[in-house]
Amino acid sequence: MSTKIVFGTDGWRGVIARDYTFENLRLVAHATARYVKSMKVKNASVVIGYDTRFLSKEFARETAVVMASHGIIVHISDAVSSTPQVSFHTKQKGAAIGVVITASHNPAQYSGFKVKASFGGPAIPEQIAQIEKELAALKGKEPKMNELSYDDCVTARTIRPFDAQESFIRYLRKKIDLDLIIKSGIKVLYDPMHGAGINFMKRILPGVTEIHGDYNPSFGEVDHPEPIGECLQPLMDMVKKKKFNVGLATDGDADRIGAVDHTGTFVDSHRIFVLLMKYLYEDKKRRGAIVKTVSLTSMVNDYAERKGIKLIETPVGFKYVAKLMAEEKVLIGGEESGGLGTSLHIPERDGVFNGLLLLEMMAKRKKSLKQLCDELDEEFGVHRYRRRDVYVTEAQKKAILAACAKKPLKIGRHHVLKVDTRDGFKFFVENGWLLIRASGTEPLIRFYAEAESMGKVNELIDEAIKLK
């Protein structure tokens, strides 16, 4: 097996032409097809979609041809599609799995291969382990198959292109009170970050203004399509300059959400999660457990304890959240990266859906996003958060993680009260916490911190970077 093929927290990702080659892609596609065949599902089918990255369409078609050569019916999006759309159609069509050719929020040189489960969410860890097992069995050698061209497969109906957007939009209209949003007159600026959300929000809400909505595989000025403060300066500037009521952003495959209030201030995903959690529980009267990854705000813990709601914490990765959402009644589940799922929708992250739900909350409560966030400070006390990604060499990564493993008693001047090693190293200090973990897809370490002031947050992260 190629040593370049490694599955991280959300599928396989690699640098295009270096690790992510057609040769390696075909190996992963064969392994995935063999896994589908091992499920022994009658008339097994898969759903395939792809994002706006370089060669994504071609990679998707190559995957489709390999799947078809194994006798699997392939439903492939006839245009760019978001990850939530693929998950939705995987469930709707009764497919064994779904595949999305995307590297999500990674920089432009990356592509990826996400696997979706039949229940409409990320493949669970056990499924990924089975695909990895099939991949190992191939030993880096592609099996000999009778393979037709893409066009011949379409003619033979073993590959079936379909519109992934239209029926998904009809579904959204049943779930979100779009009339209420439209009547409220909220002036929305949407940034798809040149990703899979381009031209989509405008189809749902006429009157939405869009930036970075052209096809640009290099992602232009946004560098990499992740809806975090460091990447959303153009959105923040335009919201303030053009006096929009709110700015919304989605990442490369449109499953994550970021927001900006009318003052041009970035609203982190922790506050978005808490706002939607409160809206579901208090206004929608929905019930169920709350699932959060270890990197998500402690406001969730406070709310769950106060309301007597069952709380489950998981390692980082929405696949852990989705597994629980598929197994039991969950009100809301998610992680700090802007990815969350709710009981209103499939057990999947969906940046567009959650953006619309946030607009519905603003319209229902007749309050600006800033007012809603100010209310969080009043209810929970001030919570500020930052994540900083630092590119490192392998030696630097080992040194920092080794220092964490020694469980230092202090981070700078702050005493460590306890340490959680469920995923990385989470150090709890008075009125705050710091999480250090290595990326599963890029050569970097992520530093997360939450405290009562941005000064303390930055101090914790700066001290953590110095650990040796």
Protein backbone atom coordinates (compact mmCIF):
# COMPACT_ATOMS: atom_id res chain seq x y z
CA MET A 1 0.00 0.00 0.00
CA SER A 2 1.21 3.51 -0.75
CA THR A 3 2.46 5.15 2.45
CA LYS A 4 1.03 8.42 1.13
CA ILE A 5 -2.58 7.33 1.67
CA VAL A 6 -3.57 8.18 5.23
CA PHE A 7 -7.12 8.64 6.52
CA GLY A 8 -7.49 11.48 9.04
CA THR A 9 -10.44 12.69 11.12
CA ASP A 10 -12.56 13.19 8.00
CA GLY A 11 -11.36 10.92 5.21
CA TRP A 12 -8.23 10.93 3.07
CA ARG A 13 -6.57 14.16 2.00
CA GLY A 14 -3.34 14.83 0.17
CA VAL A 15 -1.43 17.31 -1.94
CA ILE A 16 -2.57 17.14 -5.57
CA ALA A 17 0.00 15.51 -7.90
CA ARG A 18 2.26 14.57 -4.98
CA ASP A 19 0.12 12.34 -2.77
CA TYR A 20 -3.30 12.83 -4.32
CA THR A 21 -2.69 11.28 -7.73
CA PHE A 22 -5.06 9.46 -10.05
CA GLU A 23 -3.14 6.28 -9.22
CA ASN A 24 -3.66 6.65 -5.47
CA LEU A 25 -7.24 7.81 -5.96
CA ARG A 26 -8.02 4.66 -7.94
CA LEU A 27 -6.56 2.51 -5.14
CA VAL A 28 -8.81 4.23 -2.60
CA ALA A 29 -11.80 3.91 -4.95
CA HIS A 30 -11.14 0.17 -5.44
CA ALA A 31 -10.81 -0.32 -1.67
CA THR A 32 -14.06 1.58 -1.08
CA ALA A 33 -15.83 -0.44 -3.77
CA ARG A 34 -14.59 -3.69 -2.24
CA TYR A 35 -15.93 -2.54 1.11
CA VAL A 36 -19.34 -1.81 -0.48
CA LYS A 37 -19.36 -5.27 -2.08
CA SER A 38 -18.51 -6.84 1.29
CA MET A 39 -21.72 -5.33 2.69
CA LYS A 40 -23.62 -7.73 0.38
CA VAL A 41 -26.35 -5.17 -0.32
CA LYS A 42 -28.65 -6.12 -3.20
CA ASN A 43 -28.31 -3.68 -6.13
CA ALA A 44 -25.75 -1.67 -4.16
CA SER A 45 -25.33 1.96 -5.17
CA VAL A 46 -23.16 4.94 -4.19
CA VAL A 47 -23.60 8.70 -4.48
CA ILE A 48 -20.64 10.81 -5.62
CA GLY A 49 -20.22 14.58 -5.51
CA TYR A 50 -17.35 17.02 -5.87
CA ASP A 51 -16.27 20.54 -4.92
CA THR A 52 -14.67 23.45 -6.83
CA ARG A 53 -11.03 22.39 -6.46
CA PHE A 54 -8.59 21.70 -9.27
CA LEU A 55 -9.51 18.45 -11.07
CA SER A 56 -12.34 17.63 -8.62
CA LYS A 57 -14.77 16.81 -11.44
CA GLU A 58 -12.20 14.56 -13.11
CA PHE A 59 -11.35 12.83 -9.82
CA ALA A 60 -15.07 12.25 -9.19
CA ARG A 61 -15.58 10.73 -12.63
CA GLU A 62 -12.53 8.50 -12.19
CA THR A 63 -13.95 7.29 -8.87
CA ALA A 64 -17.30 6.67 -10.54
CA VAL A 65 -15.75 4.53 -13.29
CA VAL A 66 -13.86 2.40 -10.75
CA MET A 67 -17.04 1.89 -8.70
CA ALA A 68 -19.02 0.96 -11.80
CA SER A 69 -16.37 -1.61 -12.77
CA HIS A 70 -17.26 -3.46 -9.55
CA GLY A 71 -20.91 -3.66 -10.58
CA ILE A 72 -22.03 -0.83 -8.30
CA ILE A 73 -24.63 1.68 -9.53
CA VAL A 74 -23.21 5.20 -9.29
CA HIS A 75 -25.31 8.35 -8.84
CA ILE A 76 -22.99 11.28 -9.59
CA SER A 77 -23.75 14.97 -9.23
CA ASP A 78 -23.95 16.68 -12.62
CA ALA A 79 -22.34 19.83 -11.17
CA VAL A 80 -20.46 21.06 -8.12
CA SER A 81 -22.20 19.85 -4.96
CA SER A 82 -21.75 20.42 -1.25
CA THR A 83 -20.95 17.68 1.23
CA PRO A 84 -24.41 18.02 2.90
CA GLN A 85 -26.07 17.54 -0.48
CA VAL A 86 -24.17 14.27 -1.01
CA SER A 87 -25.04 13.08 2.50
CA PHE A 88 -28.71 13.97 1.95
CA HIS A 89 -28.90 12.08 -1.35
CA THR A 90 -27.01 9.09 0.05
CA LYS A 91 -29.84 8.67 2.54
CA GLN A 92 -32.64 9.60 0.11
CA LYS A 93 -31.49 7.19 -2.58
CA GLY A 94 -30.85 4.36 -0.14
CA ALA A 95 -27.22 4.18 -1.23
CA ALA A 96 -24.68 2.05 0.62
CA ILE A 97 -22.30 5.01 0.96
CA GLY A 98 -21.56 8.44 -0.45
CA VAL A 99 -18.24 9.87 -1.61
CA VAL A 100 -17.30 13.54 -1.83
CA ILE A 101 -14.20 14.64 -3.69
CA THR A 102 -13.19 17.54 -1.46
CA ALA A 103 -10.47 18.74 0.88
CA SER A 104 -12.97 20.87 2.78
CA HIS A 105 -11.18 23.88 4.31
CA ASN A 106 -7.61 22.85 3.36
CA PRO A 107 -5.42 25.07 1.15
CA ALA A 108 -5.82 24.94 -2.63
CA GLN A 109 -3.07 22.40 -3.28
CA TYR A 110 -5.05 19.70 -1.43
CA SER A 111 -7.82 17.38 -2.56
CA GLY A 112 -9.64 14.73 -0.58
CA PHE A 113 -11.98 11.77 -0.42
CA LYS A 114 -14.78 11.94 2.19
CA VAL A 115 -16.94 8.88 2.82
CA LYS A 116 -20.58 9.20 3.86
CA ALA A 117 -22.75 6.62 5.61
CA SER A 118 -26.18 5.40 4.50
CA PHE A 119 -27.87 7.30 7.36
CA GLY A 120 -26.86 10.64 5.81
CA GLY A 121 -23.79 11.57 7.84
CA PRO A 122 -20.03 10.91 7.94
CA ALA A 123 -18.90 7.30 7.77
CA ILE A 124 -18.36 6.00 11.29
CA PRO A 125 -14.82 5.03 12.41
CA GLU A 126 -15.57 1.33 12.01
CA GLN A 127 -16.46 1.85 8.34
CA ILE A 128 -13.28 3.82 7.68
CA ALA A 129 -11.30 1.03 9.37
CA GLN A 130 -12.85 -1.49 6.96
CA ILE A 131 -11.91 0.64 3.95
CA GLU A 132 -8.37 0.96 5.29
CA LYS A 133 -8.29 -2.83 5.69
CA GLU A 134 -9.32 -3.28 2.05
CA LEU A 135 -6.72 -0.71 1.02
CA ALA A 136 -3.99 -2.61 2.88
CA ALA A 137 -5.07 -5.85 1.18
CA LEU A 138 -4.44 -4.26 -2.24
CA LYS A 139 -0.77 -3.76 -1.29
CA GLY A 140 -0.45 -0.80 -3.62
CA LYS A 141 -1.50 -2.79 -6.69
CA GLU A 142 -4.66 -2.00 -8.60
CA PRO A 143 -6.85 -5.06 -9.38
CA LYS A 144 -7.56 -5.94 -13.00
CA MET A 145 -11.14 -5.02 -13.86
CA ASN A 146 -13.26 -4.80 -16.99
CA GLU A 147 -13.63 -1.06 -17.21
CA LEU A 148 -15.65 1.08 -19.63
CA SER A 149 -15.14 4.78 -20.29
CA TYR A 150 -17.17 7.30 -18.28
CA ASP A 151 -19.41 8.10 -21.26
CA ASP A 152 -19.99 4.41 -21.99
CA CYS A 153 -20.94 3.84 -18.33
CA VAL A 154 -23.45 6.69 -18.57
CA THR A 155 -24.90 5.13 -21.72
CA ALA A 156 -25.10 1.76 -19.94
CA ARG A 157 -26.80 3.46 -16.96
CA THR A 158 -24.22 2.11 -14.51
CA ILE A 159 -23.29 5.76 -13.91
CA ARG A 160 -26.28 8.08 -13.53
CA PRO A 161 -25.68 11.86 -13.40
CA PHE A 162 -28.32 13.79 -11.38
CA ASP A 163 -29.11 17.29 -10.11
CA ALA A 164 -28.04 17.37 -6.46
CA GLN A 165 -29.37 20.86 -5.75
CA GLU A 166 -33.03 21.10 -6.79
CA SER A 167 -34.58 18.46 -4.50
CA PHE A 168 -32.28 19.57 -1.68
CA ILE A 169 -33.63 23.12 -1.98
CA ARG A 170 -37.20 21.78 -1.83
CA TYR A 171 -36.24 19.93 1.34
CA LEU A 172 -34.71 23.07 2.91
CA ARG A 173 -37.92 25.02 2.24
CA LYS A 174 -39.80 22.53 4.42
CA LYS A 175 -37.32 22.84 7.28
CA ILE A 176 -36.60 26.58 7.45
CA ASP A 177 -39.16 29.42 7.67
CA LEU A 178 -37.85 31.25 4.62
CA ASP A 179 -40.91 33.51 4.44
CA LEU A 180 -40.18 34.80 7.94
CA ILE A 181 -36.57 35.54 6.99
CA ILE A 182 -37.60 37.33 3.78
CA LYS A 183 -40.31 39.38 5.54
CA SER A 184 -37.84 40.42 8.25
CA GLY A 185 -35.83 42.35 5.65
CA ILE A 186 -32.50 41.10 7.01
CA LYS A 187 -29.79 42.27 4.61
CA VAL A 188 -27.46 39.29 4.11
CA LEU A 189 -23.95 39.14 2.63
CA TYR A 190 -22.83 35.60 1.85
CA ASP A 191 -19.28 34.40 1.24
CA PRO A 192 -18.98 30.86 -0.17
CA MET A 193 -15.19 31.38 -0.26
CA HIS A 194 -15.08 30.15 -3.89
CA GLY A 195 -16.28 26.78 -2.60
CA ALA A 196 -19.21 24.45 -3.16
CA GLY A 197 -21.72 27.00 -1.87
CA ILE A 198 -21.31 29.33 -4.87
CA ASN A 199 -24.65 30.54 -6.26
CA PHE A 200 -26.53 28.27 -3.82
CA MET A 201 -27.70 30.68 -1.12
CA LYS A 202 -29.04 33.04 -3.80
CA ARG A 203 -31.26 30.24 -5.11
CA ILE A 204 -32.80 29.85 -1.65
CA LEU A 205 -33.03 33.48 -0.55
CA PRO A 206 -33.50 35.98 -3.38
CA GLY A 207 -31.83 39.26 -2.55
CA VAL A 208 -28.77 37.78 -0.86
CA THR A 209 -25.54 39.47 -1.99
CA GLU A 210 -22.60 37.14 -2.65
CA ILE A 211 -18.83 37.69 -2.73
CA HIS A 212 -16.17 35.20 -3.84
CA GLY A 213 -18.87 33.46 -5.86
CA ASP A 214 -16.84 32.82 -9.01
CA TYR A 215 -15.09 29.57 -9.87
CA ASN A 216 -11.50 29.92 -8.61
CA PRO A 217 -9.67 26.72 -7.61
CA SER A 218 -6.86 28.81 -6.06
CA PHE A 219 -9.41 30.47 -3.71
CA GLY A 220 -8.11 33.93 -4.62
CA GLU A 221 -7.65 36.38 -1.77
CA VAL A 222 -9.11 34.06 0.87
CA ASP A 223 -5.98 31.80 0.81
CA HIS A 224 -7.81 28.75 2.10
CA PRO A 225 -11.58 28.36 2.39
CA GLU A 226 -12.11 28.16 6.13
CA PRO A 227 -14.76 30.41 7.73
CA ILE A 228 -12.64 31.64 10.64
CA GLY A 229 -11.75 35.22 11.55
CA GLU A 230 -8.28 35.09 9.96
CA CYS A 231 -9.79 34.20 6.58
CA LEU A 232 -12.89 36.42 6.57
CA GLN A 233 -11.45 39.95 6.54
CA PRO A 234 -13.02 40.76 3.13
CA LEU A 235 -16.44 39.69 4.46
CA MET A 236 -16.00 41.67 7.67
CA ASP A 237 -14.93 44.78 5.77
CA MET A 238 -17.81 44.67 3.30
CA VAL A 239 -20.48 43.98 5.94
CA LYS A 240 -19.39 47.10 7.78
CA LYS A 241 -18.81 49.27 4.70
CA LYS A 242 -22.04 48.38 2.88
CA LYS A 243 -24.12 48.22 6.09
CA PHE A 244 -25.32 44.62 5.85
CA ASN A 245 -27.19 43.24 8.85
CA VAL A 246 -25.19 40.03 8.87
CA GLY A 247 -22.46 38.18 6.99
CA LEU A 248 -22.43 34.40 6.55
CA ALA A 249 -19.62 32.24 5.20
CA THR A 250 -19.21 28.56 4.36
CA ASP A 251 -16.05 26.56 3.73
CA GLY A 252 -14.80 24.71 0.65
CA ASP A 253 -17.46 21.99 0.75
CA ALA A 254 -20.09 24.16 2.49
CA ASP A 255 -20.49 22.04 5.62
CA ARG A 256 -19.07 24.64 8.04
CA ILE A 257 -20.48 28.02 9.02
CA GLY A 258 -18.91 31.33 10.00
CA ALA A 259 -20.70 34.60 10.79
CA VAL A 260 -20.07 38.36 11.05
CA ASP A 261 -22.34 40.80 12.89
CA HIS A 262 -23.44 44.18 11.49
CA THR A 263 -20.42 45.95 13.00
CA GLY A 264 -18.05 43.77 10.96
CA THR A 265 -17.08 41.70 14.00
CA PHE A 266 -16.43 37.99 13.55
CA VAL A 267 -18.71 35.72 15.58
CA ASP A 268 -16.90 32.50 16.40
CA SER A 269 -18.49 29.09 15.90
CA HIS A 270 -18.76 28.50 19.66
CA ARG A 271 -21.30 31.29 19.98
CA ILE A 272 -23.13 30.10 16.85
CA PHE A 273 -23.43 26.64 18.41
CA VAL A 274 -24.76 28.02 21.70
CA LEU A 275 -27.23 30.36 19.96
CA LEU A 276 -28.67 27.54 17.85
CA MET A 277 -28.71 25.20 20.86
CA LYS A 278 -30.77 27.76 22.79
CA TYR A 279 -33.04 28.42 19.80
CA LEU A 280 -33.80 24.73 19.33
CA TYR A 281 -34.45 24.16 23.03
CA GLU A 282 -36.23 27.40 23.95
CA ASP A 283 -38.10 28.43 20.79
CA LYS A 284 -38.46 25.19 18.82
CA LYS A 285 -39.08 23.17 22.01
CA ARG A 286 -36.89 20.35 20.67
CA ARG A 287 -35.41 17.82 23.09
CA GLY A 288 -32.50 15.40 23.09
CA ALA A 289 -28.91 15.03 24.23
CA ILE A 290 -26.19 17.54 23.41
CA VAL A 291 -23.00 16.20 21.84
CA LYS A 292 -19.82 18.30 21.75
CA THR A 293 -16.19 17.63 20.92
CA VAL A 294 -13.51 18.45 23.50
CA SER A 295 -12.62 21.61 21.57
CA LEU A 296 -16.03 23.27 21.99
CA THR A 297 -16.91 26.04 24.46
CA SER A 298 -17.63 25.38 28.13
CA MET A 299 -20.83 27.44 27.74
CA VAL A 300 -22.38 24.23 26.40
CA ASN A 301 -21.51 22.40 29.63
CA ASP A 302 -23.01 25.22 31.71
CA TYR A 303 -26.27 25.24 29.73
CA ALA A 304 -26.66 21.46 29.76
CA GLU A 305 -26.11 21.32 33.54
CA ARG A 306 -28.54 24.17 34.18
CA LYS A 307 -31.30 22.66 32.01
CA GLY A 308 -30.69 19.06 33.04
CA ILE A 309 -29.80 17.99 29.49
CA LYS A 310 -27.65 14.92 28.89
CA LEU A 311 -24.20 15.98 27.62
CA ILE A 312 -21.77 13.74 25.75
CA GLU A 313 -18.19 14.80 24.93
CA THR A 314 -16.21 13.18 22.13
CA PRO A 315 -12.78 13.48 20.48
CA VAL A 316 -12.44 16.04 17.67
CA GLY A 317 -14.10 14.91 14.44
CA PHE A 318 -17.72 15.14 13.42
CA LYS A 319 -17.76 11.42 12.63
CA TYR A 320 -17.92 10.77 16.39
CA VAL A 321 -20.82 13.20 16.75
CA ALA A 322 -22.67 11.77 13.75
CA LYS A 323 -22.37 8.22 15.08
CA LEU A 324 -24.18 9.27 18.25
CA MET A 325 -26.77 11.23 16.25
CA ALA A 326 -27.52 8.08 14.28
CA GLU A 327 -27.82 5.97 17.43
CA GLU A 328 -29.84 8.13 19.83
CA LYS A 329 -31.99 11.23 20.11
CA VAL A 330 -29.68 14.25 19.86
CA LEU A 331 -30.79 17.88 20.00
CA ILE A 332 -27.57 19.31 18.58
CA GLY A 333 -24.03 18.09 18.11
CA GLY A 334 -20.86 19.64 16.79
CA GLU A 335 -17.32 20.92 17.07
CA GLU A 336 -15.46 24.22 17.24
CA SER A 337 -14.67 24.37 13.53
CA GLY A 338 -18.13 25.61 12.57
CA GLY A 339 -19.49 22.15 11.88
CA LEU A 340 -22.69 21.20 13.68
CA GLY A 341 -25.77 19.08 13.14
CA THR A 342 -29.26 19.43 14.58
CA SER A 343 -32.34 17.31 15.16
CA LEU A 344 -34.08 19.30 12.39
CA HIS A 345 -31.81 17.93 9.68
CA ILE A 346 -29.76 14.90 8.63
CA PRO A 347 -26.95 13.94 11.08
CA GLU A 348 -24.45 16.02 9.13
CA ARG A 349 -22.74 19.38 9.25
CA ASP A 350 -24.35 21.87 6.91
CA GLY A 351 -23.10 25.45 6.73
CA VAL A 352 -25.94 26.72 4.55
CA PHE A 353 -28.68 25.07 6.64
CA ASN A 354 -27.19 26.37 9.89
CA GLY A 355 -26.75 29.84 8.41
CA LEU A 356 -30.42 29.87 7.46
CA LEU A 357 -31.38 28.63 10.94
CA LEU A 358 -29.38 31.51 12.44
CA LEU A 359 -31.23 33.98 10.20
CA GLU A 360 -34.54 32.41 11.28
CA MET A 361 -33.56 32.92 14.93
CA MET A 362 -32.72 36.58 14.28
CA ALA A 363 -36.05 37.07 12.51
CA LYS A 364 -38.06 35.21 15.15
CA ARG A 365 -36.51 37.04 18.09
CA LYS A 366 -36.30 40.33 16.16
CA LYS A 367 -32.75 40.90 17.30
CA SER A 368 -29.44 41.51 15.56
CA LEU A 369 -26.66 38.94 15.76
CA LYS A 370 -24.72 41.33 18.00
CA GLN A 371 -27.66 41.62 20.40
CA LEU A 372 -27.95 37.83 20.57
CA CYS A 373 -24.20 37.51 21.28
CA ASP A 374 -24.34 40.25 23.93
CA GLU A 375 -27.08 38.24 25.64
CA LEU A 376 -24.71 35.24 25.77
CA ASP A 377 -22.16 37.35 27.67
CA GLU A 378 -24.88 38.35 30.13
CA GLU A 379 -26.08 34.77 30.58
CA PHE A 380 -22.78 32.88 30.72
CA GLY A 381 -20.20 35.56 31.46
CA VAL A 382 -17.67 36.65 28.86
CA HIS A 383 -16.17 33.76 26.89
CA ARG A 384 -13.58 34.55 24.24
CA TYR A 385 -11.92 32.01 22.01
CA ARG A 386 -9.19 31.62 19.44
CA ARG A 387 -7.63 28.80 17.47
CA ARG A 388 -4.16 29.21 16.06
CA ASP A 389 -2.70 26.79 13.52
CA VAL A 390 1.09 26.61 13.45
CA TYR A 391 2.94 24.81 10.66
CA VAL A 392 5.79 22.76 12.12
CA THR A 393 8.46 20.26 11.16
CA GLU A 394 8.11 16.67 12.34
CA ALA A 395 10.83 17.32 14.95
CA GLN A 396 9.05 20.42 16.28
CA LYS A 397 5.75 18.53 16.45
CA LYS A 398 7.32 15.70 18.45
CA ALA A 399 9.01 18.16 20.83
CA ILE A 400 5.78 20.05 21.58
CA LEU A 401 3.70 16.90 22.02
CA ALA A 402 6.41 15.35 24.25
CA ALA A 403 6.34 18.47 26.44
CA CYS A 404 2.55 18.17 26.70
CA ALA A 405 2.84 14.51 27.67
CA LYS A 406 4.86 15.56 30.74
CA LYS A 407 1.69 17.36 31.92
CA PRO A 408 3.24 20.66 33.04
CA LEU A 409 1.87 22.18 36.26
CA LYS A 410 1.73 25.66 34.75
CA ILE A 411 1.11 27.18 31.30
CA GLY A 412 3.04 30.42 31.60
CA ARG A 413 1.74 32.00 34.83
CA HIS A 414 -1.49 29.98 34.84
CA HIS A 415 -1.76 26.92 37.10
CA VAL A 416 -3.04 23.76 35.43
CA LEU A 417 -6.03 22.40 37.35
CA LYS A 418 -6.52 19.19 35.35
CA VAL A 419 -5.60 17.60 32.02
CA ASP A 420 -7.88 15.80 29.54
CA THR A 421 -6.03 13.52 27.07
CA ARG A 422 -9.09 12.24 25.21
CA ASP A 423 -7.87 13.94 22.03
CA GLY A 424 -4.58 15.79 22.24
CA PHE A 425 -3.87 17.58 25.51
CA LYS A 426 -6.48 19.84 27.09
CA PHE A 427 -5.20 21.87 30.03
CA PHE A 428 -7.81 23.46 32.30
CA VAL A 429 -6.82 26.67 34.07
CA GLU A 430 -8.87 29.05 36.20
CA ASN A 431 -11.73 30.41 34.04
CA GLY A 432 -10.35 28.88 30.87
CA TRP A 433 -8.71 26.05 28.99
CA LEU A 434 -6.06 25.31 26.37
CA LEU A 435 -6.13 22.41 23.90
CA ILE A 436 -3.10 21.26 21.88
CA ARG A 437 -3.47 18.65 19.15
CA ALA A 438 -1.76 17.71 15.91
CA SER A 439 -3.67 17.92 12.62
CA GLY A 440 -4.49 14.62 11.00
CA THR A 441 -4.28 16.04 7.46
CA GLU A 442 -1.61 18.78 7.47
CA PRO A 443 1.89 19.29 8.98
CA LEU A 444 0.67 21.57 11.75
CA ILE A 445 -0.31 21.75 15.39
CA ARG A 446 -3.56 23.39 16.43
CA PHE A 447 -3.71 25.47 19.59
CA TYR A 448 -7.20 26.21 20.95
CA ALA A 449 -7.94 28.42 23.95
CA GLU A 450 -10.96 29.85 25.73
CA ALA A 451 -10.95 32.38 28.60
CA GLU A 452 -12.68 35.51 29.89
CA SER A 453 -10.58 37.85 27.72
CA MET A 454 -8.75 37.77 24.39
CA GLY A 455 -5.62 38.88 26.23
CA LYS A 456 -5.65 35.73 28.34
CA VAL A 457 -6.54 33.57 25.31
CA ASN A 458 -3.55 34.89 23.35
CA GLU A 459 -1.28 34.53 26.37
CA LEU A 460 -2.21 30.86 26.80
CA ILE A 461 -1.56 30.13 23.13
CA ASP A 462 1.75 32.06 23.08
CA GLU A 463 2.97 30.15 26.13
CA ALA A 464 1.84 26.83 24.66
CA ILE A 465 3.85 27.38 21.48
CA LYS A 466 6.98 27.77 23.63
CA LEU A 467 6.54 24.37 25.32
CA LYS A 468 9.59 22.12 24.94
